[in-house]
ModelCIF file with pLDDT and N, C-alpha, C, O atoms, coordinates in Angstrom:
data_MODEL
#
_entry.id   MODEL 
#
_entity.id                         1 
_entity.type                       polymer 
_entity.pdbx_number_of_molecules   1 
#
_entity_poly.entity_id                      1 
_entity_poly.type                           'polypeptide(L)' 
_entity_poly.nstd_linkage                   no 
_entity_poly.nstd_monomer                   no 
_entity_poly.pdbx_seq_one_letter_code       ERIPYEVVADNVFKQISDTVTPQGVLAIVNMPEYDVKEILSDERKAWV 
_entity_poly.pdbx_seq_one_letter_code_can   ERIPYEVVADNVFKQISDTVTPQGVLAIVNMPEYDVKEILSDERKAWV 
_entity_poly.pdbx_strand_id                 A 
#
loop_
_entity_poly_seq.entity_id 
_entity_poly_seq.num 
_entity_poly_seq.mon_id 
_entity_poly_seq.hetero 
1 1  GLU n 
1 2  ARG n 
1 3  ILE n 
1 4  PRO n 
1 5  TYR n 
1 6  GLU n 
1 7  VAL n 
1 8  VAL n 
1 9  ALA n 
1 10 ASP n 
1 11 ASN n 
1 12 VAL n 
1 13 PHE n 
1 14 LYS n 
1 15 GLN n 
1 16 ILE n 
1 17 SER n 
1 18 ASP n 
1 19 THR n 
1 20 VAL n 
1 21 THR n 
1 22 PRO n 
1 23 GLN n 
1 24 GLY n 
1 25 VAL n 
1 26 LEU n 
1 27 ALA n 
1 28 ILE n 
1 29 VAL n 
1 30 ASN n 
1 31 MET n 
1 32 PRO n 
1 33 GLU n 
1 34 TYR n 
1 35 ASP n 
1 36 VAL n 
1 37 LYS n 
1 38 GLU n 
1 39 ILE n 
1 40 LEU n 
1 41 SER n 
1 42 ASP n 
1 43 GLU n 
1 44 ARG n 
1 45 LYS n 
1 46 ALA n 
1 47 TRP n 
1 48 VAL n 
#
_struct_asym.id          A 
_struct_asym.entity_id   1 
#
loop_
_ma_qa_metric.id 
_ma_qa_metric.mode 
_ma_qa_metric.name 
_ma_qa_metric.software_group_id 
_ma_qa_metric.type 
1 global pLDDT . pLDDT 
2 local  pLDDT . pLDDT 
#
_ma_qa_metric_global.metric_id      1 
_ma_qa_metric_global.metric_value   95.04 
_ma_qa_metric_global.model_id       1 
_ma_qa_metric_global.ordinal_id     1 
#
loop_
_ma_qa_metric_local.label_asym_id 
_ma_qa_metric_local.label_comp_id 
_ma_qa_metric_local.label_seq_id 
_ma_qa_metric_local.metric_id 
_ma_qa_metric_local.metric_value 
_ma_qa_metric_local.model_id 
_ma_qa_metric_local.ordinal_id 
A GLU 1  2 90.00 1 1  
A ARG 2  2 92.00 1 2  
A ILE 3  2 95.00 1 3  
A PRO 4  2 96.00 1 4  
A TYR 5  2 96.00 1 5  
A GLU 6  2 97.00 1 6  
A VAL 7  2 97.00 1 7  
A VAL 8  2 97.00 1 8  
A ALA 9  2 97.00 1 9  
A ASP 10 2 96.00 1 10 
A ASN 11 2 95.00 1 11 
A VAL 12 2 96.00 1 12 
A PHE 13 2 96.00 1 13 
A LYS 14 2 94.00 1 14 
A GLN 15 2 93.00 1 15 
A ILE 16 2 94.00 1 16 
A SER 17 2 94.00 1 17 
A ASP 18 2 91.00 1 18 
A THR 19 2 88.00 1 19 
A VAL 20 2 85.00 1 20 
A THR 21 2 87.00 1 21 
A PRO 22 2 89.00 1 22 
A GLN 23 2 92.00 1 23 
A GLY 24 2 96.00 1 24 
A VAL 25 2 97.00 1 25 
A LEU 26 2 97.00 1 26 
A ALA 27 2 97.00 1 27 
A ILE 28 2 98.00 1 28 
A VAL 29 2 98.00 1 29 
A ASN 30 2 98.00 1 30 
A MET 31 2 97.00 1 31 
A PRO 32 2 95.00 1 32 
A GLU 33 2 94.00 1 33 
A TYR 34 2 96.00 1 34 
A ASP 35 2 94.00 1 35 
A VAL 36 2 96.00 1 36 
A LYS 37 2 96.00 1 37 
A GLU 38 2 96.00 1 38 
A ILE 39 2 98.00 1 39 
A LEU 40 2 97.00 1 40 
A SER 41 2 97.00 1 41 
A ASP 42 2 96.00 1 42 
A GLU 43 2 95.00 1 43 
A ARG 44 2 96.00 1 44 
A LYS 45 2 97.00 1 45 
A ALA 46 2 98.00 1 46 
A TRP 47 2 98.00 1 47 
A VAL 48 2 98.00 1 48 
#
loop_
_atom_site.group_PDB 
_atom_site.id 
_atom_site.type_symbol 
_atom_site.label_atom_id 
_atom_site.label_alt_id 
_atom_site.label_comp_id 
_atom_site.label_asym_id 
_atom_site.label_entity_id 
_atom_site.label_seq_id 
_atom_site.pdbx_PDB_ins_code 
_atom_site.Cartn_x 
_atom_site.Cartn_y 
_atom_site.Cartn_z 
_atom_site.occupancy 
_atom_site.B_iso_or_equiv 
_atom_site.pdbx_formal_charge 
_atom_site.auth_seq_id 
_atom_site.auth_comp_id 
_atom_site.auth_asym_id 
_atom_site.auth_atom_id 
_atom_site.pdbx_PDB_model_num 
ATOM 1   N N  . GLU A 1 1  ? -35.361 -56.812 -62.453 1.00 90.00 ? 1  GLU A N  1 
ATOM 2   C CA . GLU A 1 1  ? -35.770 -56.490 -63.816 1.00 90.00 ? 1  GLU A CA 1 
ATOM 3   C C  . GLU A 1 1  ? -35.487 -57.627 -64.798 1.00 90.00 ? 1  GLU A C  1 
ATOM 4   O O  . GLU A 1 1  ? -36.051 -57.675 -65.891 1.00 90.00 ? 1  GLU A O  1 
ATOM 5   N N  . ARG A 1 2  ? -34.604 -58.541 -64.388 1.00 92.00 ? 2  ARG A N  1 
ATOM 6   C CA . ARG A 1 2  ? -34.166 -59.604 -65.310 1.00 92.00 ? 2  ARG A CA 1 
ATOM 7   C C  . ARG A 1 2  ? -34.815 -60.956 -65.031 1.00 92.00 ? 2  ARG A C  1 
ATOM 8   O O  . ARG A 1 2  ? -34.538 -61.932 -65.728 1.00 92.00 ? 2  ARG A O  1 
ATOM 9   N N  . ILE A 1 3  ? -35.667 -61.019 -64.024 1.00 95.00 ? 3  ILE A N  1 
ATOM 10  C CA . ILE A 1 3  ? -36.276 -62.312 -63.676 1.00 95.00 ? 3  ILE A CA 1 
ATOM 11  C C  . ILE A 1 3  ? -37.811 -62.193 -63.674 1.00 95.00 ? 3  ILE A C  1 
ATOM 12  O O  . ILE A 1 3  ? -38.359 -61.136 -63.362 1.00 95.00 ? 3  ILE A O  1 
ATOM 13  N N  . PRO A 1 4  ? -38.491 -63.293 -64.026 1.00 96.00 ? 4  PRO A N  1 
ATOM 14  C CA . PRO A 1 4  ? -39.958 -63.284 -63.962 1.00 96.00 ? 4  PRO A CA 1 
ATOM 15  C C  . PRO A 1 4  ? -40.417 -63.350 -62.499 1.00 96.00 ? 4  PRO A C  1 
ATOM 16  O O  . PRO A 1 4  ? -39.858 -64.111 -61.709 1.00 96.00 ? 4  PRO A O  1 
ATOM 17  N N  . TYR A 1 5  ? -41.416 -62.567 -62.145 1.00 96.00 ? 5  TYR A N  1 
ATOM 18  C CA . TYR A 1 5  ? -41.898 -62.600 -60.760 1.00 96.00 ? 5  TYR A CA 1 
ATOM 19  C C  . TYR A 1 5  ? -43.391 -62.293 -60.695 1.00 96.00 ? 5  TYR A C  1 
ATOM 20  O O  . TYR A 1 5  ? -43.979 -61.724 -61.615 1.00 96.00 ? 5  TYR A O  1 
ATOM 21  N N  . GLU A 1 6  ? -43.974 -62.691 -59.575 1.00 97.00 ? 6  GLU A N  1 
ATOM 22  C CA . GLU A 1 6  ? -45.379 -62.403 -59.287 1.00 97.00 ? 6  GLU A CA 1 
ATOM 23  C C  . GLU A 1 6  ? -45.475 -61.837 -57.875 1.00 97.00 ? 6  GLU A C  1 
ATOM 24  O O  . GLU A 1 6  ? -44.753 -62.266 -56.975 1.00 97.00 ? 6  GLU A O  1 
ATOM 25  N N  . VAL A 1 7  ? -46.360 -60.883 -57.689 1.00 97.00 ? 7  VAL A N  1 
ATOM 26  C CA . VAL A 1 7  ? -46.685 -60.392 -56.356 1.00 97.00 ? 7  VAL A CA 1 
ATOM 27  C C  . VAL A 1 7  ? -47.907 -61.172 -55.866 1.00 97.00 ? 7  VAL A C  1 
ATOM 28  O O  . VAL A 1 7  ? -48.867 -61.379 -56.608 1.00 97.00 ? 7  VAL A O  1 
ATOM 29  N N  . VAL A 1 8  ? -47.851 -61.602 -54.596 1.00 97.00 ? 8  VAL A N  1 
ATOM 30  C CA . VAL A 1 8  ? -48.899 -62.462 -54.049 1.00 97.00 ? 8  VAL A CA 1 
ATOM 31  C C  . VAL A 1 8  ? -49.497 -61.802 -52.809 1.00 97.00 ? 8  VAL A C  1 
ATOM 32  O O  . VAL A 1 8  ? -48.770 -61.285 -51.962 1.00 97.00 ? 8  VAL A O  1 
ATOM 33  N N  . ALA A 1 9  ? -50.805 -61.824 -52.711 1.00 97.00 ? 9  ALA A N  1 
ATOM 34  C CA . ALA A 1 9  ? -51.474 -61.278 -51.529 1.00 97.00 ? 9  ALA A CA 1 
ATOM 35  C C  . ALA A 1 9  ? -50.967 -61.978 -50.272 1.00 97.00 ? 9  ALA A C  1 
ATOM 36  O O  . ALA A 1 9  ? -50.697 -63.179 -50.301 1.00 97.00 ? 9  ALA A O  1 
ATOM 37  N N  . ASP A 1 10 ? -50.834 -61.247 -49.178 1.00 96.00 ? 10 ASP A N  1 
ATOM 38  C CA . ASP A 1 10 ? -50.237 -61.804 -47.958 1.00 96.00 ? 10 ASP A CA 1 
ATOM 39  C C  . ASP A 1 10 ? -50.938 -63.062 -47.465 1.00 96.00 ? 10 ASP A C  1 
ATOM 40  O O  . ASP A 1 10 ? -50.281 -64.023 -47.066 1.00 96.00 ? 10 ASP A O  1 
ATOM 41  N N  . ASN A 1 11 ? -52.271 -63.060 -47.489 1.00 95.00 ? 11 ASN A N  1 
ATOM 42  C CA . ASN A 1 11 ? -52.996 -64.235 -46.991 1.00 95.00 ? 11 ASN A CA 1 
ATOM 43  C C  . ASN A 1 11 ? -52.775 -65.457 -47.867 1.00 95.00 ? 11 ASN A C  1 
ATOM 44  O O  . ASN A 1 11 ? -52.809 -66.583 -47.370 1.00 95.00 ? 11 ASN A O  1 
ATOM 45  N N  . VAL A 1 12 ? -52.551 -65.258 -49.155 1.00 96.00 ? 12 VAL A N  1 
ATOM 46  C CA . VAL A 1 12 ? -52.273 -66.374 -50.072 1.00 96.00 ? 12 VAL A CA 1 
ATOM 47  C C  . VAL A 1 12 ? -50.826 -66.836 -49.899 1.00 96.00 ? 12 VAL A C  1 
ATOM 48  O O  . VAL A 1 12 ? -50.542 -68.032 -49.963 1.00 96.00 ? 12 VAL A O  1 
ATOM 49  N N  . PHE A 1 13 ? -49.920 -65.893 -49.682 1.00 96.00 ? 13 PHE A N  1 
ATOM 50  C CA . PHE A 1 13 ? -48.507 -66.257 -49.519 1.00 96.00 ? 13 PHE A CA 1 
ATOM 51  C C  . PHE A 1 13 ? -48.323 -67.194 -48.320 1.00 96.00 ? 13 PHE A C  1 
ATOM 52  O O  . PHE A 1 13 ? -47.482 -68.092 -48.355 1.00 96.00 ? 13 PHE A O  1 
ATOM 53  N N  . LYS A 1 14 ? -49.103 -66.985 -47.272 1.00 94.00 ? 14 LYS A N  1 
ATOM 54  C CA . LYS A 1 14 ? -48.996 -67.859 -46.093 1.00 94.00 ? 14 LYS A CA 1 
ATOM 55  C C  . LYS A 1 14 ? -49.285 -69.316 -46.449 1.00 94.00 ? 14 LYS A C  1 
ATOM 56  O O  . LYS A 1 14 ? -48.756 -70.228 -45.813 1.00 94.00 ? 14 LYS A O  1 
ATOM 57  N N  . GLN A 1 15 ? -50.118 -69.536 -47.459 1.00 93.00 ? 15 GLN A N  1 
ATOM 58  C CA . GLN A 1 15 ? -50.472 -70.896 -47.866 1.00 93.00 ? 15 GLN A CA 1 
ATOM 59  C C  . GLN A 1 15 ? -49.353 -71.585 -48.641 1.00 93.00 ? 15 GLN A C  1 
ATOM 60  O O  . GLN A 1 15 ? -49.260 -72.813 -48.647 1.00 93.00 ? 15 GLN A O  1 
ATOM 61  N N  . ILE A 1 16 ? -48.510 -70.801 -49.290 1.00 94.00 ? 16 ILE A N  1 
ATOM 62  C CA . ILE A 1 16 ? -47.433 -71.416 -50.085 1.00 94.00 ? 16 ILE A CA 1 
ATOM 63  C C  . ILE A 1 16 ? -46.109 -71.466 -49.333 1.00 94.00 ? 16 ILE A C  1 
ATOM 64  O O  . ILE A 1 16 ? -45.159 -72.109 -49.779 1.00 94.00 ? 16 ILE A O  1 
ATOM 65  N N  . SER A 1 17 ? -46.052 -70.782 -48.184 1.00 94.00 ? 17 SER A N  1 
ATOM 66  C CA . SER A 1 17 ? -44.817 -70.796 -47.401 1.00 94.00 ? 17 SER A CA 1 
ATOM 67  C C  . SER A 1 17 ? -44.754 -72.044 -46.530 1.00 94.00 ? 17 SER A C  1 
ATOM 68  O O  . SER A 1 17 ? -45.779 -72.528 -46.050 1.00 94.00 ? 17 SER A O  1 
ATOM 69  N N  . ASP A 1 18 ? -43.545 -72.561 -46.329 1.00 91.00 ? 18 ASP A N  1 
ATOM 70  C CA . ASP A 1 18 ? -43.348 -73.735 -45.475 1.00 91.00 ? 18 ASP A CA 1 
ATOM 71  C C  . ASP A 1 18 ? -42.803 -73.339 -44.107 1.00 91.00 ? 18 ASP A C  1 
ATOM 72  O O  . ASP A 1 18 ? -42.471 -74.207 -43.300 1.00 91.00 ? 18 ASP A O  1 
ATOM 73  N N  . THR A 1 19 ? -42.707 -72.037 -43.836 1.00 88.00 ? 19 THR A N  1 
ATOM 74  C CA . THR A 1 19 ? -42.162 -71.582 -42.563 1.00 88.00 ? 19 THR A CA 1 
ATOM 75  C C  . THR A 1 19 ? -43.238 -70.938 -41.707 1.00 88.00 ? 19 THR A C  1 
ATOM 76  O O  . THR A 1 19 ? -44.257 -70.474 -42.219 1.00 88.00 ? 19 THR A O  1 
ATOM 77  N N  . VAL A 1 20 ? -43.006 -70.913 -40.394 1.00 85.00 ? 20 VAL A N  1 
ATOM 78  C CA . VAL A 1 20 ? -43.973 -70.339 -39.453 1.00 85.00 ? 20 VAL A CA 1 
ATOM 79  C C  . VAL A 1 20 ? -44.042 -68.826 -39.615 1.00 85.00 ? 20 VAL A C  1 
ATOM 80  O O  . VAL A 1 20 ? -45.121 -68.234 -39.566 1.00 85.00 ? 20 VAL A O  1 
ATOM 81  N N  . THR A 1 21 ? -42.873 -68.202 -39.808 1.00 87.00 ? 21 THR A N  1 
ATOM 82  C CA . THR A 1 21 ? -42.823 -66.744 -40.007 1.00 87.00 ? 21 THR A CA 1 
ATOM 83  C C  . THR A 1 21 ? -42.188 -66.459 -41.368 1.00 87.00 ? 21 THR A C  1 
ATOM 84  O O  . THR A 1 21 ? -40.978 -66.245 -41.446 1.00 87.00 ? 21 THR A O  1 
ATOM 85  N N  . PRO A 1 22 ? -42.974 -66.452 -42.432 1.00 89.00 ? 22 PRO A N  1 
ATOM 86  C CA . PRO A 1 22 ? -42.442 -66.270 -43.788 1.00 89.00 ? 22 PRO A CA 1 
ATOM 87  C C  . PRO A 1 22 ? -41.731 -64.934 -43.971 1.00 89.00 ? 22 PRO A C  1 
ATOM 88  O O  . PRO A 1 22 ? -42.141 -63.913 -43.418 1.00 89.00 ? 22 PRO A O  1 
ATOM 89  N N  . GLN A 1 23 ? -40.648 -64.963 -44.767 1.00 92.00 ? 23 GLN A N  1 
ATOM 90  C CA . GLN A 1 23 ? -39.942 -63.722 -45.116 1.00 92.00 ? 23 GLN A CA 1 
ATOM 91  C C  . GLN A 1 23 ? -40.659 -62.978 -46.241 1.00 92.00 ? 23 GLN A C  1 
ATOM 92  O O  . GLN A 1 23 ? -40.354 -61.820 -46.528 1.00 92.00 ? 23 GLN A O  1 
ATOM 93  N N  . GLY A 1 24 ? -41.612 -63.656 -46.869 1.00 96.00 ? 24 GLY A N  1 
ATOM 94  C CA . GLY A 1 24 ? -42.369 -63.006 -47.935 1.00 96.00 ? 24 GLY A CA 1 
ATOM 95  C C  . GLY A 1 24 ? -41.732 -63.138 -49.300 1.00 96.00 ? 24 GLY A C  1 
ATOM 96  O O  . GLY A 1 24 ? -42.116 -62.427 -50.229 1.00 96.00 ? 24 GLY A O  1 
ATOM 97  N N  . VAL A 1 25 ? -40.773 -64.025 -49.442 1.00 97.00 ? 25 VAL A N  1 
ATOM 98  C CA . VAL A 1 25 ? -40.141 -64.221 -50.749 1.00 97.00 ? 25 VAL A CA 1 
ATOM 99  C C  . VAL A 1 25 ? -39.741 -65.683 -50.915 1.00 97.00 ? 25 VAL A C  1 
ATOM 100 O O  . VAL A 1 25 ? -39.120 -66.277 -50.033 1.00 97.00 ? 25 VAL A O  1 
ATOM 101 N N  . LEU A 1 26 ? -40.111 -66.253 -52.066 1.00 97.00 ? 26 LEU A N  1 
ATOM 102 C CA . LEU A 1 26 ? -39.702 -67.620 -52.397 1.00 97.00 ? 26 LEU A CA 1 
ATOM 103 C C  . LEU A 1 26 ? -39.649 -67.749 -53.915 1.00 97.00 ? 26 LEU A C  1 
ATOM 104 O O  . LEU A 1 26 ? -40.118 -66.877 -54.647 1.00 97.00 ? 26 LEU A O  1 
ATOM 105 N N  . ALA A 1 27 ? -39.073 -68.844 -54.366 1.00 97.00 ? 27 ALA A N  1 
ATOM 106 C CA . ALA A 1 27 ? -38.919 -69.018 -55.813 1.00 97.00 ? 27 ALA A CA 1 
ATOM 107 C C  . ALA A 1 27 ? -39.032 -70.475 -56.196 1.00 97.00 ? 27 ALA A C  1 
ATOM 108 O O  . ALA A 1 27 ? -38.690 -71.363 -55.415 1.00 97.00 ? 27 ALA A O  1 
ATOM 109 N N  . ILE A 1 28 ? -39.514 -70.717 -57.401 1.00 98.00 ? 28 ILE A N  1 
ATOM 110 C CA . ILE A 1 28 ? -39.389 -72.033 -58.019 1.00 98.00 ? 28 ILE A CA 1 
ATOM 111 C C  . ILE A 1 28 ? -38.009 -72.080 -58.663 1.00 98.00 ? 28 ILE A C  1 
ATOM 112 O O  . ILE A 1 28 ? -37.629 -71.181 -59.412 1.00 98.00 ? 28 ILE A O  1 
ATOM 113 N N  . VAL A 1 29 ? -37.267 -73.141 -58.361 1.00 98.00 ? 29 VAL A N  1 
ATOM 114 C CA . VAL A 1 29 ? -35.864 -73.223 -58.756 1.00 98.00 ? 29 VAL A CA 1 
ATOM 115 C C  . VAL A 1 29 ? -35.616 -74.520 -59.519 1.00 98.00 ? 29 VAL A C  1 
ATOM 116 O O  . VAL A 1 29 ? -36.164 -75.564 -59.165 1.00 98.00 ? 29 VAL A O  1 
ATOM 117 N N  . ASN A 1 30 ? -34.802 -74.458 -60.552 1.00 98.00 ? 30 ASN A N  1 
ATOM 118 C CA . ASN A 1 30 ? -34.403 -75.654 -61.291 1.00 98.00 ? 30 ASN A CA 1 
ATOM 119 C C  . ASN A 1 30 ? -33.340 -76.423 -60.506 1.00 98.00 ? 30 ASN A C  1 
ATOM 120 O O  . ASN A 1 30 ? -32.378 -75.836 -60.011 1.00 98.00 ? 30 ASN A O  1 
ATOM 121 N N  . MET A 1 31 ? -33.520 -77.715 -60.401 1.00 97.00 ? 31 MET A N  1 
ATOM 122 C CA . MET A 1 31 ? -32.587 -78.535 -59.624 1.00 97.00 ? 31 MET A CA 1 
ATOM 123 C C  . MET A 1 31 ? -31.189 -78.554 -60.232 1.00 97.00 ? 31 MET A C  1 
ATOM 124 O O  . MET A 1 31 ? -31.044 -78.735 -61.441 1.00 97.00 ? 31 MET A O  1 
ATOM 125 N N  . PRO A 1 32 ? -30.157 -78.370 -59.404 1.00 95.00 ? 32 PRO A N  1 
ATOM 126 C CA . PRO A 1 32 ? -28.811 -78.666 -59.890 1.00 95.00 ? 32 PRO A CA 1 
ATOM 127 C C  . PRO A 1 32 ? -28.673 -80.190 -60.028 1.00 95.00 ? 32 PRO A C  1 
ATOM 128 O O  . PRO A 1 32 ? -29.282 -80.931 -59.257 1.00 95.00 ? 32 PRO A O  1 
ATOM 129 N N  . GLU A 1 33 ? -27.904 -80.652 -60.974 1.00 94.00 ? 33 GLU A N  1 
ATOM 130 C CA . GLU A 1 33 ? -27.723 -82.095 -61.177 1.00 94.00 ? 33 GLU A CA 1 
ATOM 131 C C  . GLU A 1 33 ? -26.251 -82.400 -61.419 1.00 94.00 ? 33 GLU A C  1 
ATOM 132 O O  . GLU A 1 33 ? -25.550 -81.649 -62.097 1.00 94.00 ? 33 GLU A O  1 
ATOM 133 N N  . TYR A 1 34 ? -25.797 -83.512 -60.856 1.00 96.00 ? 34 TYR A N  1 
ATOM 134 C CA . TYR A 1 34 ? -24.402 -83.938 -61.010 1.00 96.00 ? 34 TYR A CA 1 
ATOM 135 C C  . TYR A 1 34 ? -24.357 -85.424 -61.324 1.00 96.00 ? 34 TYR A C  1 
ATOM 136 O O  . TYR A 1 34 ? -25.231 -86.190 -60.919 1.00 96.00 ? 34 TYR A O  1 
ATOM 137 N N  . ASP A 1 35 ? -23.342 -85.803 -62.039 1.00 94.00 ? 35 ASP A N  1 
ATOM 138 C CA . ASP A 1 35 ? -23.127 -87.206 -62.368 1.00 94.00 ? 35 ASP A CA 1 
ATOM 139 C C  . ASP A 1 35 ? -22.184 -87.819 -61.331 1.00 94.00 ? 35 ASP A C  1 
ATOM 140 O O  . ASP A 1 35 ? -21.241 -87.167 -60.885 1.00 94.00 ? 35 ASP A O  1 
ATOM 141 N N  . VAL A 1 36 ? -22.439 -89.066 -60.951 1.00 96.00 ? 36 VAL A N  1 
ATOM 142 C CA . VAL A 1 36 ? -21.610 -89.708 -59.929 1.00 96.00 ? 36 VAL A CA 1 
ATOM 143 C C  . VAL A 1 36 ? -20.146 -89.786 -60.360 1.00 96.00 ? 36 VAL A C  1 
ATOM 144 O O  . VAL A 1 36 ? -19.250 -89.707 -59.520 1.00 96.00 ? 36 VAL A O  1 
ATOM 145 N N  . LYS A 1 37 ? -19.898 -89.939 -61.663 1.00 96.00 ? 37 LYS A N  1 
ATOM 146 C CA . LYS A 1 37 ? -18.514 -89.988 -62.146 1.00 96.00 ? 37 LYS A CA 1 
ATOM 147 C C  . LYS A 1 37 ? -17.806 -88.663 -61.922 1.00 96.00 ? 37 LYS A C  1 
ATOM 148 O O  . LYS A 1 37 ? -16.612 -88.622 -61.627 1.00 96.00 ? 37 LYS A O  1 
ATOM 149 N N  . GLU A 1 38 ? -18.557 -87.584 -62.068 1.00 96.00 ? 38 GLU A N  1 
ATOM 150 C CA . GLU A 1 38 ? -18.001 -86.250 -61.822 1.00 96.00 ? 38 GLU A CA 1 
ATOM 151 C C  . GLU A 1 38 ? -17.575 -86.107 -60.362 1.00 96.00 ? 38 GLU A C  1 
ATOM 152 O O  . GLU A 1 38 ? -16.529 -85.531 -60.060 1.00 96.00 ? 38 GLU A O  1 
ATOM 153 N N  . ILE A 1 39 ? -18.397 -86.637 -59.470 1.00 98.00 ? 39 ILE A N  1 
ATOM 154 C CA . ILE A 1 39 ? -18.080 -86.559 -58.039 1.00 98.00 ? 39 ILE A CA 1 
ATOM 155 C C  . ILE A 1 39 ? -16.885 -87.435 -57.692 1.00 98.00 ? 39 ILE A C  1 
ATOM 156 O O  . ILE A 1 39 ? -15.995 -87.014 -56.953 1.00 98.00 ? 39 ILE A O  1 
ATOM 157 N N  . LEU A 1 40 ? -16.865 -88.642 -58.219 1.00 97.00 ? 40 LEU A N  1 
ATOM 158 C CA . LEU A 1 40 ? -15.768 -89.566 -57.910 1.00 97.00 ? 40 LEU A CA 1 
ATOM 159 C C  . LEU A 1 40 ? -14.438 -89.127 -58.495 1.00 97.00 ? 40 LEU A C  1 
ATOM 160 O O  . LEU A 1 40 ? -13.384 -89.523 -57.997 1.00 97.00 ? 40 LEU A O  1 
ATOM 161 N N  . SER A 1 41 ? -14.470 -88.318 -59.541 1.00 97.00 ? 41 SER A N  1 
ATOM 162 C CA . SER A 1 41 ? -13.223 -87.864 -60.163 1.00 97.00 ? 41 SER A CA 1 
ATOM 163 C C  . SER A 1 41 ? -12.692 -86.568 -59.544 1.00 97.00 ? 41 SER A C  1 
ATOM 164 O O  . SER A 1 41 ? -11.645 -86.069 -59.958 1.00 97.00 ? 41 SER A O  1 
ATOM 165 N N  . ASP A 1 42 ? -13.403 -86.023 -58.558 1.00 96.00 ? 42 ASP A N  1 
ATOM 166 C CA . ASP A 1 42 ? -12.956 -84.782 -57.923 1.00 96.00 ? 42 ASP A CA 1 
ATOM 167 C C  . ASP A 1 42 ? -11.573 -84.971 -57.306 1.00 96.00 ? 42 ASP A C  1 
ATOM 168 O O  . ASP A 1 42 ? -11.308 -85.982 -56.656 1.00 96.00 ? 42 ASP A O  1 
ATOM 169 N N  . GLU A 1 43 ? -10.710 -84.008 -57.511 1.00 95.00 ? 43 GLU A N  1 
ATOM 170 C CA . GLU A 1 43 ? -9.305  -84.142 -57.117 1.00 95.00 ? 43 GLU A CA 1 
ATOM 171 C C  . GLU A 1 43 ? -9.082  -84.166 -55.607 1.00 95.00 ? 43 GLU A C  1 
ATOM 172 O O  . GLU A 1 43 ? -8.022  -84.597 -55.152 1.00 95.00 ? 43 GLU A O  1 
ATOM 173 N N  . ARG A 1 44 ? -10.061 -83.711 -54.822 1.00 96.00 ? 44 ARG A N  1 
ATOM 174 C CA . ARG A 1 44 ? -9.882  -83.714 -53.361 1.00 96.00 ? 44 ARG A CA 1 
ATOM 175 C C  . ARG A 1 44 ? -9.989  -85.121 -52.761 1.00 96.00 ? 44 ARG A C  1 
ATOM 176 O O  . ARG A 1 44 ? -9.463  -85.377 -51.678 1.00 96.00 ? 44 ARG A O  1 
ATOM 177 N N  . LYS A 1 45 ? -10.660 -86.017 -53.459 1.00 97.00 ? 45 LYS A N  1 
ATOM 178 C CA . LYS A 1 45 ? -10.762 -87.425 -53.032 1.00 97.00 ? 45 LYS A CA 1 
ATOM 179 C C  . LYS A 1 45 ? -11.256 -87.550 -51.581 1.00 97.00 ? 45 LYS A C  1 
ATOM 180 O O  . LYS A 1 45 ? -10.640 -88.233 -50.763 1.00 97.00 ? 45 LYS A O  1 
ATOM 181 N N  . ALA A 1 46 ? -12.363 -86.887 -51.283 1.00 98.00 ? 46 ALA A N  1 
ATOM 182 C CA . ALA A 1 46 ? -12.938 -86.935 -49.933 1.00 98.00 ? 46 ALA A CA 1 
ATOM 183 C C  . ALA A 1 46 ? -14.456 -86.976 -50.063 1.00 98.00 ? 46 ALA A C  1 
ATOM 184 O O  . ALA A 1 46 ? -15.088 -85.963 -50.364 1.00 98.00 ? 46 ALA A O  1 
ATOM 185 N N  . TRP A 1 47 ? -15.034 -88.151 -49.834 1.00 98.00 ? 47 TRP A N  1 
ATOM 186 C CA . TRP A 1 47 ? -16.456 -88.337 -50.119 1.00 98.00 ? 47 TRP A CA 1 
ATOM 187 C C  . TRP A 1 47 ? -17.251 -88.678 -48.865 1.00 98.00 ? 47 TRP A C  1 
ATOM 188 O O  . TRP A 1 47 ? -16.756 -89.347 -47.958 1.00 98.00 ? 47 TRP A O  1 
ATOM 189 N N  . VAL A 1 48 ? -18.494 -88.205 -48.832 1.00 98.00 ? 48 VAL A N  1 
ATOM 190 C CA . VAL A 1 48 ? -19.454 -88.586 -47.792 1.00 98.00 ? 48 VAL A CA 1 
ATOM 191 C C  . VAL A 1 48 ? -20.474 -89.519 -48.428 1.00 98.00 ? 48 VAL A C  1 
ATOM 192 O O  . VAL A 1 48 ? -21.394 -89.981 -47.753 1.00 98.00 ? 48 VAL A O  1 
#
């Protein structure tokens, strides 16, 4: 009730899915973003 959504016909949904057997649900999502200084200042001091 709190999020915008659209219902999509099954044959159209297959065109937007990237999986062989779609679950029938996907979303457009805003990217999380981080600054490199934030990562380097993390107290665990363990980086990949």
